[in-house]
């Protein structure tokens, strides 16, 4: 399962609520619904982890 990890800076927070990712930082916040077939997005400590169920994912 291919995986990409994105580091969250110290002054930024990220939270996943079901399909909605909310990122807050010194300049404000943004929320996005992240629904893609065979792709999962999660927040693990200071990282956002994106995984694909497809081994051929780009």
Foldseek 3Di string as FASTA:
>chain_A
DDKDKDFADPQKDWADDPQKIWIAGPVGIDIDRDDDPQWDWHDDPRIIMIDGPDPPDD
